[in-house]
Amino acid sequence: MKKYIFILPLIINVFFSSFNFAQEEDTLETSEWKLSVETDLYFTDPFVFLPIFIADKGNLHLEARYNYEDLKTFSGWVGYNFFGGEEFEYFVTPMIGVAVGRTDGIAPGLEFTLGYAGFELYSESEYLFDFASSEYNFFYSWTDLTYSPLDWLWFGISGQITKVIESELETDRGLILGCFYKNFEITGYFYNAFTNDDFFMLALSTEL
């Protein structure tokens, strides 16, 4: 399933030069694993259950997904974390992944989070090269822009883009409302309101 923003190389270049890779001063402990699990529930036809497991240790990023690139498809990812900042925080992770199952392929990807004064811009994207045929290659991107008036509450907008070779661009636009309770984050997405293609997605996540 999928998620938007194309000016990523420019963003990376600006942030890296501005903050000089000050990872040693960041809050992410380089000596300990940071583990998290997310479950995305797509209330579509068919209903889709999409689990994601993430493990970070300093600059190392590992990720496992199921039903993301395609139904009945597993993908494993490895990446390198760049992070830093105080008032303005950034976390950027270029990655490479392999998908196996109903879709087999290899994909470069990028995830980033930018935060300032309660605002957060999050994006994840990939371009999958399908092993079966290049006509099944696709680009996918998901971007969220949110604002947190309180530590436990946030709202905003979301966009998803999918582009398969020799096909029209598919876009989904939605609204976001989320909250934090104890060690759990719950975020609801409502896409394509007032159209025949509207759907709801619920994301549940926690740190282990």
C-alpha atoms as a PDB file:
ATOM      1  CA  MET A   1       0.000   0.000   0.000  1.00  0.00           C
ATOM      2  CA  LYS A   2       1.431   3.313  -0.536  1.00  0.00           C
ATOM      3  CA  LYS A   3       2.616   6.887   0.252  1.00  0.00           C
ATOM      4  CA  TYR A   4       4.338  11.623  -1.888  1.00  0.00           C
ATOM      5  CA  ILE A   5       7.047  14.149  -2.398  1.00  0.00           C
ATOM      6  CA  PHE A   6       9.635  14.250  -5.121  1.00  0.00           C
ATOM      7  CA  ILE A   7      12.147  16.909  -4.024  1.00  0.00           C
ATOM      8  CA  LEU A   8      13.903  14.422  -1.761  1.00  0.00           C
ATOM      9  CA  PRO A   9      17.463  14.754  -3.120  1.00  0.00           C
ATOM     10  CA  LEU A  10      17.354  18.527  -2.631  1.00  0.00           C
ATOM     11  CA  ILE A  11      16.001  18.128   0.896  1.00  0.00           C
ATOM     12  CA  ILE A  12      18.726  15.652   1.822  1.00  0.00           C
ATOM     13  CA  ASN A  13      21.490  17.875   0.440  1.00  0.00           C
ATOM     14  CA  VAL A  14      20.263  20.963   2.308  1.00  0.00           C
ATOM     15  CA  PHE A  15      19.767  19.203   5.617  1.00  0.00           C
ATOM     16  CA  PHE A  16      23.057  17.344   5.589  1.00  0.00           C
ATOM     17  CA  SER A  17      25.095  20.460   4.800  1.00  0.00           C
ATOM     18  CA  SER A  18      23.195  22.552   7.366  1.00  0.00           C
ATOM     19  CA  PHE A  19      23.467  20.175  10.295  1.00  0.00           C
ATOM     20  CA  ASN A  20      26.808  18.525   9.438  1.00  0.00           C
ATOM     21  CA  PHE A  21      25.611  15.028  10.331  1.00  0.00           C
ATOM     22  CA  ALA A  22      25.430  15.674  14.071  1.00  0.00           C
ATOM     23  CA  GLN A  23      24.163  12.202  14.927  1.00  0.00           C
ATOM     24  CA  GLU A  24      26.254  11.942  18.071  1.00  0.00           C
ATOM     25  CA  GLU A  25      24.158  14.684  19.676  1.00  0.00           C
ATOM     26  CA  ASP A  26      20.815  13.227  18.676  1.00  0.00           C
ATOM     27  CA  THR A  27      18.379  11.488  20.999  1.00  0.00           C
ATOM     28  CA  LEU A  28      18.549   8.121  19.205  1.00  0.00           C
ATOM     29  CA  GLU A  29      20.840   5.917  21.284  1.00  0.00           C
ATOM     30  CA  THR A  30      23.479   4.345  19.050  1.00  0.00           C
ATOM     31  CA  SER A  31      24.147   1.510  21.511  1.00  0.00           C
ATOM     32  CA  GLU A  32      20.561   0.220  21.781  1.00  0.00           C
ATOM     33  CA  TRP A  33      17.971  -1.208  19.425  1.00  0.00           C
ATOM     34  CA  LYS A  34      14.773   0.775  18.933  1.00  0.00           C
ATOM     35  CA  LEU A  35      11.984  -1.596  17.896  1.00  0.00           C
ATOM     36  CA  SER A  36       8.474  -0.714  16.751  1.00  0.00           C
ATOM     37  CA  VAL A  37       5.495  -2.398  15.128  1.00  0.00           C
ATOM     38  CA  GLU A  38       2.807  -0.785  12.979  1.00  0.00           C
ATOM     39  CA  THR A  39      -0.390  -2.349  11.695  1.00  0.00           C
ATOM     40  CA  ASP A  40      -2.305  -0.603   8.914  1.00  0.00           C
ATOM     41  CA  LEU A  41      -5.906  -1.671   8.405  1.00  0.00           C
ATOM     42  CA  TYR A  42      -7.422  -0.720   5.033  1.00  0.00           C
ATOM     43  CA  PHE A  43     -11.210  -0.828   5.105  1.00  0.00           C
ATOM     44  CA  THR A  44     -11.479  -1.441   1.385  1.00  0.00           C
ATOM     45  CA  ASP A  45     -12.744  -4.272  -0.812  1.00  0.00           C
ATOM     46  CA  PRO A  46     -10.910  -6.491  -0.146  1.00  0.00           C
ATOM     47  CA  PHE A  47     -10.016  -5.610   3.444  1.00  0.00           C
ATOM     48  CA  VAL A  48      -6.212  -5.344   3.782  1.00  0.00           C
ATOM     49  CA  PHE A  49      -4.114  -6.105   6.864  1.00  0.00           C
ATOM     50  CA  LEU A  50      -0.631  -4.586   6.517  1.00  0.00           C
ATOM     51  CA  PRO A  51       1.899  -5.255   9.315  1.00  0.00           C
ATOM     52  CA  ILE A  52       5.273  -3.453   9.441  1.00  0.00           C
ATOM     53  CA  PHE A  53       8.181  -4.223  11.778  1.00  0.00           C
ATOM     54  CA  ILE A  54      10.967  -1.636  12.199  1.00  0.00           C
ATOM     55  CA  ALA A  55      14.323  -1.951  13.972  1.00  0.00           C
ATOM     56  CA  ASP A  56      16.815   0.912  14.319  1.00  0.00           C
ATOM     57  CA  LYS A  57      20.226   0.901  15.959  1.00  0.00           C
ATOM     58  CA  GLY A  58      22.090   4.158  15.450  1.00  0.00           C
ATOM     59  CA  ASN A  59      22.549   4.560  11.709  1.00  0.00           C
ATOM     60  CA  LEU A  60      21.308   1.039  10.881  1.00  0.00           C
ATOM     61  CA  HIS A  61      17.677   0.705   9.778  1.00  0.00           C
ATOM     62  CA  LEU A  62      15.888  -2.622   9.195  1.00  0.00           C
ATOM     63  CA  GLU A  63      12.290  -3.004   8.094  1.00  0.00           C
ATOM     64  CA  ALA A  64       9.926  -5.850   7.180  1.00  0.00           C
ATOM     65  CA  ARG A  65       6.547  -5.397   5.477  1.00  0.00           C
ATOM     66  CA  TYR A  66       3.711  -7.676   4.368  1.00  0.00           C
ATOM     67  CA  ASN A  67       0.950  -6.787   1.874  1.00  0.00           C
ATOM     68  CA  TYR A  68       2.691  -3.466   1.138  1.00  0.00           C
ATOM     69  CA  GLU A  69       4.027  -3.734  -2.419  1.00  0.00           C
ATOM     70  CA  ASP A  70       1.244  -6.203  -3.276  1.00  0.00           C
ATOM     71  CA  LEU A  71      -1.116  -8.592  -1.522  1.00  0.00           C
ATOM     72  CA  LYS A  72       0.551 -11.806  -0.287  1.00  0.00           C
ATOM     73  CA  THR A  73       3.961 -10.185  -0.765  1.00  0.00           C
ATOM     74  CA  PHE A  74       6.733  -9.834   1.831  1.00  0.00           C
ATOM     75  CA  SER A  75       9.479  -7.219   1.575  1.00  0.00           C
ATOM     76  CA  GLY A  76      12.656  -6.775   3.611  1.00  0.00           C
ATOM     77  CA  TRP A  77      14.581  -3.497   3.772  1.00  0.00           C
ATOM     78  CA  VAL A  78      17.929  -2.224   4.990  1.00  0.00           C
ATOM     79  CA  GLY A  79      18.819   1.463   5.221  1.00  0.00           C
ATOM     80  CA  TYR A  80      21.085   4.102   6.727  1.00  0.00           C
ATOM     81  CA  ASN A  81      19.735   6.716   9.160  1.00  0.00           C
ATOM     82  CA  PHE A  82      20.786  10.362   9.048  1.00  0.00           C
ATOM     83  CA  PHE A  83      19.335  12.365  11.930  1.00  0.00           C
ATOM     84  CA  GLY A  84      19.855  15.444  14.057  1.00  0.00           C
ATOM     85  CA  GLY A  85      18.608  18.907  14.924  1.00  0.00           C
ATOM     86  CA  GLU A  86      17.111  20.514  18.012  1.00  0.00           C
ATOM     87  CA  GLU A  87      14.304  22.981  17.264  1.00  0.00           C
ATOM     88  CA  PHE A  88      14.280  21.726  13.681  1.00  0.00           C
ATOM     89  CA  GLU A  89      14.599  17.925  13.676  1.00  0.00           C
ATOM     90  CA  TYR A  90      15.264  15.670  10.718  1.00  0.00           C
ATOM     91  CA  PHE A  91      15.416  11.896  10.243  1.00  0.00           C
ATOM     92  CA  VAL A  92      16.244  10.705   6.710  1.00  0.00           C
ATOM     93  CA  THR A  93      16.693   7.060   5.668  1.00  0.00           C
ATOM     94  CA  PRO A  94      17.659   5.933   2.152  1.00  0.00           C
ATOM     95  CA  MET A  95      16.950   2.206   1.798  1.00  0.00           C
ATOM     96  CA  ILE A  96      17.077  -0.792  -0.506  1.00  0.00           C
ATOM     97  CA  GLY A  97      14.495  -3.579  -0.374  1.00  0.00           C
ATOM     98  CA  VAL A  98      13.600  -6.934  -1.926  1.00  0.00           C
ATOM     99  CA  ALA A  99      10.008  -8.123  -2.422  1.00  0.00           C
ATOM    100  CA  VAL A 100       8.979 -11.784  -2.732  1.00  0.00           C
ATOM    101  CA  GLY A 101       5.553 -13.374  -3.143  1.00  0.00           C
ATOM    102  CA  ARG A 102       2.858 -12.424  -5.614  1.00  0.00           C
ATOM    103  CA  THR A 103       5.215  -9.626  -6.687  1.00  0.00           C
ATOM    104  CA  ASP A 104       8.968 -10.243  -6.884  1.00  0.00           C
ATOM    105  CA  GLY A 105      11.356  -7.349  -7.305  1.00  0.00           C
ATOM    106  CA  ILE A 106      13.967  -5.002  -5.937  1.00  0.00           C
ATOM    107  CA  ALA A 107      13.305  -1.441  -4.855  1.00  0.00           C
ATOM    108  CA  PRO A 108      15.307   1.605  -3.766  1.00  0.00           C
ATOM    109  CA  GLY A 109      13.355   3.637  -1.243  1.00  0.00           C
ATOM    110  CA  LEU A 110      13.470   6.687   0.981  1.00  0.00           C
ATOM    111  CA  GLU A 111      11.788   7.625   4.251  1.00  0.00           C
ATOM    112  CA  PHE A 112      12.074  10.967   6.022  1.00  0.00           C
ATOM    113  CA  THR A 113      10.560  12.895   8.908  1.00  0.00           C
ATOM    114  CA  LEU A 114      10.987  16.649   9.384  1.00  0.00           C
ATOM    115  CA  GLY A 115       9.712  18.383  12.506  1.00  0.00           C
ATOM    116  CA  TYR A 116       9.459  21.989  13.640  1.00  0.00           C
ATOM    117  CA  ALA A 117       7.267  23.789  16.217  1.00  0.00           C
ATOM    118  CA  GLY A 118       4.602  21.089  16.337  1.00  0.00           C
ATOM    119  CA  PHE A 119       4.526  20.540  12.564  1.00  0.00           C
ATOM    120  CA  GLU A 120       5.752  17.269  11.067  1.00  0.00           C
ATOM    121  CA  LEU A 121       6.269  16.223   7.466  1.00  0.00           C
ATOM    122  CA  TYR A 122       6.613  12.476   6.935  1.00  0.00           C
ATOM    123  CA  SER A 123       7.128  10.717   3.623  1.00  0.00           C
ATOM    124  CA  GLU A 124       8.002   7.241   2.403  1.00  0.00           C
ATOM    125  CA  SER A 125       8.526   6.329  -1.244  1.00  0.00           C
ATOM    126  CA  GLU A 126       9.953   3.585  -3.436  1.00  0.00           C
ATOM    127  CA  TYR A 127      10.447   2.547  -7.037  1.00  0.00           C
ATOM    128  CA  LEU A 128       9.996  -1.188  -7.555  1.00  0.00           C
ATOM    129  CA  PHE A 129      11.730  -3.003 -10.419  1.00  0.00           C
ATOM    130  CA  ASP A 130       9.622  -6.095 -11.075  1.00  0.00           C
ATOM    131  CA  PHE A 131      11.580  -9.274 -11.857  1.00  0.00           C
ATOM    132  CA  ALA A 132       8.797 -10.679 -14.059  1.00  0.00           C
ATOM    133  CA  SER A 133       8.493  -7.748 -16.477  1.00  0.00           C
ATOM    134  CA  SER A 134       9.403  -4.064 -16.594  1.00  0.00           C
ATOM    135  CA  GLU A 135       5.774  -3.255 -17.491  1.00  0.00           C
ATOM    136  CA  TYR A 136       4.920  -3.980 -13.834  1.00  0.00           C
ATOM    137  CA  ASN A 137       7.495  -1.533 -12.468  1.00  0.00           C
ATOM    138  CA  PHE A 138       5.907   1.155 -10.316  1.00  0.00           C
ATOM    139  CA  PHE A 139       6.602   4.220  -8.197  1.00  0.00           C
ATOM    140  CA  TYR A 140       4.762   4.663  -4.917  1.00  0.00           C
ATOM    141  CA  SER A 141       4.818   7.475  -2.362  1.00  0.00           C
ATOM    142  CA  TRP A 142       2.895   8.365   0.808  1.00  0.00           C
ATOM    143  CA  THR A 143       3.217  11.751   2.539  1.00  0.00           C
ATOM    144  CA  ASP A 144       1.631  13.118   5.725  1.00  0.00           C
ATOM    145  CA  LEU A 145       1.713  16.715   6.945  1.00  0.00           C
ATOM    146  CA  THR A 146       0.462  17.065  10.526  1.00  0.00           C
ATOM    147  CA  TYR A 147       0.265  19.561  13.366  1.00  0.00           C
ATOM    148  CA  SER A 148       0.233  18.652  17.084  1.00  0.00           C
ATOM    149  CA  PRO A 149      -1.517  21.230  19.288  1.00  0.00           C
ATOM    150  CA  LEU A 150      -0.978  18.814  22.204  1.00  0.00           C
ATOM    151  CA  ASP A 151       1.656  16.143  22.817  1.00  0.00           C
ATOM    152  CA  TRP A 152      -0.962  13.399  22.487  1.00  0.00           C
ATOM    153  CA  LEU A 153      -3.025  14.779  19.594  1.00  0.00           C
ATOM    154  CA  TRP A 154      -2.338  15.553  15.921  1.00  0.00           C
ATOM    155  CA  PHE A 155      -4.257  16.229  12.719  1.00  0.00           C
ATOM    156  CA  GLY A 156      -3.404  17.038   9.120  1.00  0.00           C
ATOM    157  CA  ILE A 157      -3.532  15.958   5.494  1.00  0.00           C
ATOM    158  CA  SER A 158      -2.211  12.947   3.609  1.00  0.00           C
ATOM    159  CA  GLY A 159      -1.469  12.056  -0.007  1.00  0.00           C
ATOM    160  CA  GLN A 160      -0.660   8.820  -1.811  1.00  0.00           C
ATOM    161  CA  ILE A 161       0.688   8.478  -5.352  1.00  0.00           C
ATOM    162  CA  THR A 162       1.086   5.305  -7.417  1.00  0.00           C
ATOM    163  CA  LYS A 163       2.471   5.265 -10.969  1.00  0.00           C
ATOM    164  CA  VAL A 164       2.748   2.007 -12.900  1.00  0.00           C
ATOM    165  CA  ILE A 165       4.630   2.003 -16.214  1.00  0.00           C
ATOM    166  CA  GLU A 166       2.357   2.938 -19.142  1.00  0.00           C
ATOM    167  CA  SER A 167      -0.616   3.689 -16.896  1.00  0.00           C
ATOM    168  CA  GLU A 168      -2.266   6.780 -15.500  1.00  0.00           C
ATOM    169  CA  LEU A 169      -1.140   8.329 -12.231  1.00  0.00           C
ATOM    170  CA  GLU A 170      -3.268   7.208  -9.268  1.00  0.00           C
ATOM    171  CA  THR A 171      -3.696   9.654  -6.388  1.00  0.00           C
ATOM    172  CA  ASP A 172      -5.472   9.510  -3.040  1.00  0.00           C
ATOM    173  CA  ARG A 173      -5.973  12.586  -0.848  1.00  0.00           C
ATOM    174  CA  GLY A 174      -7.087  12.403   2.728  1.00  0.00           C
ATOM    175  CA  LEU A 175      -7.488  13.830   6.212  1.00  0.00           C
ATOM    176  CA  ILE A 176      -5.659  12.641   9.333  1.00  0.00           C
ATOM    177  CA  LEU A 177      -6.612  12.526  13.011  1.00  0.00           C
ATOM    178  CA  GLY A 178      -4.412  10.760  15.541  1.00  0.00           C
ATOM    179  CA  CYS A 179      -3.717  10.417  19.247  1.00  0.00           C
ATOM    180  CA  PHE A 180      -1.181   8.889  21.609  1.00  0.00           C
ATOM    181  CA  TYR A 181      -2.175   6.811  24.648  1.00  0.00           C
ATOM    182  CA  LYS A 182       0.408   5.225  26.933  1.00  0.00           C
ATOM    183  CA  ASN A 183       2.701   3.396  24.488  1.00  0.00           C
ATOM    184  CA  PHE A 184       0.288   3.293  21.553  1.00  0.00           C
ATOM    185  CA  GLU A 185      -0.363   5.605  18.614  1.00  0.00           C
ATOM    186  CA  ILE A 186      -3.709   5.455  16.829  1.00  0.00           C
ATOM    187  CA  THR A 187      -4.160   7.376  13.579  1.00  0.00           C
ATOM    188  CA  GLY A 188      -7.203   7.439  11.340  1.00  0.00           C
ATOM    189  CA  TYR A 189      -7.093   8.372   7.635  1.00  0.00           C
ATOM    190  CA  PHE A 190     -10.087   9.187   5.464  1.00  0.00           C
ATOM    191  CA  TYR A 191      -9.234   9.315   1.755  1.00  0.00           C
ATOM    192  CA  ASN A 192     -11.110  10.649  -1.261  1.00  0.00           C
ATOM    193  CA  ALA A 193     -14.016  12.180   0.650  1.00  0.00           C
ATOM    194  CA  PHE A 194     -17.202  12.889  -1.331  1.00  0.00           C
ATOM    195  CA  THR A 195     -16.174  10.532  -4.154  1.00  0.00           C
ATOM    196  CA  ASN A 196     -17.035   6.968  -5.124  1.00  0.00           C
ATOM    197  CA  ASP A 197     -13.465   5.929  -4.224  1.00  0.00           C
ATOM    198  CA  ASP A 198     -13.506   6.976  -0.566  1.00  0.00           C
ATOM    199  CA  PHE A 199     -12.001   4.628   2.023  1.00  0.00           C
ATOM    200  CA  PHE A 200     -10.850   4.600   5.635  1.00  0.00           C
ATOM    201  CA  MET A 201      -7.497   3.425   6.963  1.00  0.00           C
ATOM    202  CA  LEU A 202      -6.512   2.920  10.588  1.00  0.00           C
ATOM    203  CA  ALA A 203      -2.850   2.808  11.663  1.00  0.00           C
ATOM    204  CA  LEU A 204      -1.914   1.308  15.028  1.00  0.00           C
ATOM    205  CA  SER A 205       1.694   1.473  16.238  1.00  0.00           C
ATOM    206  CA  THR A 206       3.738   0.881  19.367  1.00  0.00           C
ATOM    207  CA  GLU A 207       7.361   0.714  20.477  1.00  0.00           C
ATOM    208  CA  LEU A 208       8.564  -2.599  21.894  1.00  0.00           C
END
